[in-house]
Amino acid sequence: MKQAQTICPDCGSYNEMGDNKCWKCKRPITDDEKQQAQANFENTLSDEDKQSLQAKQAEETPKYTLSPNENIEYKISREVVVTDIKMPFGSMVVFILKWAFASIPAFIILGFLASLVIPLFQGPAGY
């Protein structure tokens, strides 16, 4: 089922309803903009989709209330699958170059450690 999305007024990017800022330009998304996007979304739904959305919201509504002195912690695990990274080509090239340069000291340290450990397994010199 489709989900409501907010559209950033500055850059025009689509953002998920739970986002507090635009993924592209980092502009904060206000609660009023989220409510307006939700209202616009609900106006475009068919009757069947509206019933499905209402049923889903009813399932998510807590069926209990907590007294003020109750403290319950919830641990929510969510599986994340990355399918795409929106990154301009130039930024990606710079990122890869920085990554390559950052690996140089790591290889130097690994080489130094290998020069200390390998002689331990070779035995005395000259044999």
Protein backbone atom coordinates (compact mmCIF):
# COMPACT_ATOMS: atom_id res chain seq x y z
CA MET A 1 0.00 0.00 0.00
CA LYS A 2 1.16 3.52 -0.74
CA GLN A 3 2.34 5.78 2.07
CA ALA A 4 2.09 9.52 2.49
CA GLN A 5 5.19 11.54 1.67
CA THR A 6 6.04 15.16 2.29
CA ILE A 7 7.47 17.25 -0.53
CA CYS A 8 10.22 19.69 0.46
CA PRO A 9 9.19 23.23 -0.56
CA ASP A 10 12.84 24.22 -1.06
CA CYS A 11 14.21 21.44 -3.29
CA GLY A 12 11.10 19.42 -4.26
CA SER A 13 12.41 16.10 -2.88
CA TYR A 14 10.04 13.46 -1.58
CA ASN A 15 10.52 12.56 2.11
CA GLU A 16 8.99 9.82 4.24
CA MET A 17 6.42 10.87 6.85
CA GLY A 18 8.71 10.02 9.78
CA ASP A 19 11.54 12.23 8.52
CA ASN A 20 12.21 15.41 10.48
CA LYS A 21 14.33 16.99 7.75
CA CYS A 22 14.70 16.75 3.99
CA TRP A 23 17.16 14.02 2.96
CA LYS A 24 18.54 16.21 0.18
CA CYS A 25 18.73 19.82 1.40
CA LYS A 26 18.46 19.09 5.18
CA ARG A 27 15.63 21.63 5.62
CA PRO A 28 13.50 20.88 8.73
CA ILE A 29 10.03 19.48 7.99
CA THR A 30 7.38 21.01 10.25
CA ASP A 31 4.47 19.14 11.83
CA ASP A 32 2.05 21.32 9.84
CA GLU A 33 3.67 20.17 6.57
CA LYS A 34 3.41 16.54 7.70
CA GLN A 35 -0.27 16.96 8.60
CA GLN A 36 -0.98 18.65 5.26
CA ALA A 37 0.78 15.84 3.37
CA GLN A 38 -1.22 13.23 5.32
CA ALA A 39 -4.49 15.04 4.54
CA ASN A 40 -3.61 15.32 0.84
CA PHE A 41 -2.66 11.65 0.78
CA GLU A 42 -5.92 10.54 2.41
CA ASN A 43 -7.92 12.59 -0.12
CA THR A 44 -6.34 10.65 -3.00
CA LEU A 45 -7.11 7.19 -1.57
CA SER A 46 -9.87 4.91 -2.83
CA ASP A 47 -12.53 3.73 -0.36
CA GLU A 48 -10.84 0.32 -0.14
CA ASP A 49 -7.45 1.88 0.62
CA LYS A 50 -9.03 4.15 3.26
CA GLN A 51 -10.55 1.12 5.01
CA SER A 52 -7.21 -0.68 4.88
CA LEU A 53 -5.43 2.37 6.32
CA GLN A 54 -7.98 2.71 9.12
CA ALA A 55 -7.61 -0.98 9.98
CA LYS A 56 -3.83 -0.65 10.07
CA GLN A 57 -4.04 2.43 12.31
CA ALA A 58 -6.45 0.60 14.63
CA GLU A 59 -3.96 -2.27 14.95
CA GLU A 60 -1.17 0.17 15.83
CA THR A 61 -3.26 1.96 18.48
CA PRO A 62 -2.30 0.77 21.97
CA LYS A 63 -5.06 -1.21 23.64
CA TYR A 64 -3.94 -0.28 27.14
CA THR A 65 -2.98 2.79 29.09
CA LEU A 66 -0.08 3.25 31.46
CA SER A 67 -0.37 4.80 34.85
CA PRO A 68 2.07 7.68 35.50
CA ASN A 69 4.38 5.52 37.64
CA GLU A 70 4.70 2.67 35.12
CA ASN A 71 7.88 2.60 33.08
CA ILE A 72 8.02 0.23 30.14
CA GLU A 73 10.90 0.07 27.68
CA TYR A 74 10.32 -1.33 24.25
CA LYS A 75 13.09 -2.77 22.13
CA ILE A 76 12.17 -2.55 18.49
CA SER A 77 14.32 -4.28 15.92
CA ARG A 78 13.94 -3.32 12.31
CA GLU A 79 15.60 -5.01 9.40
CA VAL A 80 17.16 -2.54 7.00
CA VAL A 81 17.95 -3.39 3.40
CA VAL A 82 19.86 -0.76 1.44
CA THR A 83 18.79 -0.86 -2.20
CA ASP A 84 20.16 2.44 -3.48
CA ILE A 85 22.35 5.34 -2.43
CA LYS A 86 21.45 8.73 -3.84
CA MET A 87 24.84 10.39 -4.23
CA PRO A 88 26.09 12.65 -7.04
CA PHE A 89 28.89 11.16 -9.13
CA GLY A 90 31.44 13.85 -8.17
CA SER A 91 30.78 13.33 -4.47
CA MET A 92 31.16 9.58 -4.90
CA VAL A 93 34.57 10.03 -6.61
CA VAL A 94 35.75 12.28 -3.76
CA PHE A 95 34.47 9.74 -1.21
CA ILE A 96 36.34 6.86 -2.88
CA LEU A 97 39.56 8.92 -3.09
CA LYS A 98 39.34 9.80 0.60
CA TRP A 99 38.72 6.15 1.41
CA ALA A 100 41.79 5.12 -0.60
CA PHE A 101 44.04 7.71 1.10
CA ALA A 102 42.70 6.76 4.53
CA SER A 103 43.67 3.13 3.93
CA ILE A 104 47.38 3.97 3.42
CA PRO A 105 48.21 4.35 7.16
CA ALA A 106 46.31 1.13 7.87
CA PHE A 107 48.48 -0.78 5.38
CA ILE A 108 51.64 0.75 6.88
CA ILE A 109 50.60 -0.39 10.38
CA LEU A 110 49.70 -3.88 9.11
CA GLY A 111 53.07 -4.13 7.35
CA PHE A 112 54.89 -3.13 10.53
CA LEU A 113 52.97 -5.71 12.58
CA ALA A 114 53.65 -8.39 9.97
CA SER A 115 57.39 -7.59 10.11
CA LEU A 116 57.27 -8.26 13.86
CA VAL A 117 55.15 -11.43 13.75
CA ILE A 118 56.52 -13.27 10.66
CA PRO A 119 60.06 -13.80 12.15
CA LEU A 120 58.49 -15.60 15.11
CA PHE A 121 57.28 -18.36 12.77
CA GLN A 122 60.49 -18.60 10.68
CA GLY A 123 62.80 -19.82 13.41
CA PRO A 124 66.42 -18.72 13.95
CA ALA A 125 68.24 -17.02 11.07
CA GLY A 126 70.52 -19.17 8.96
CA TYR A 127 68.64 -22.46 9.20
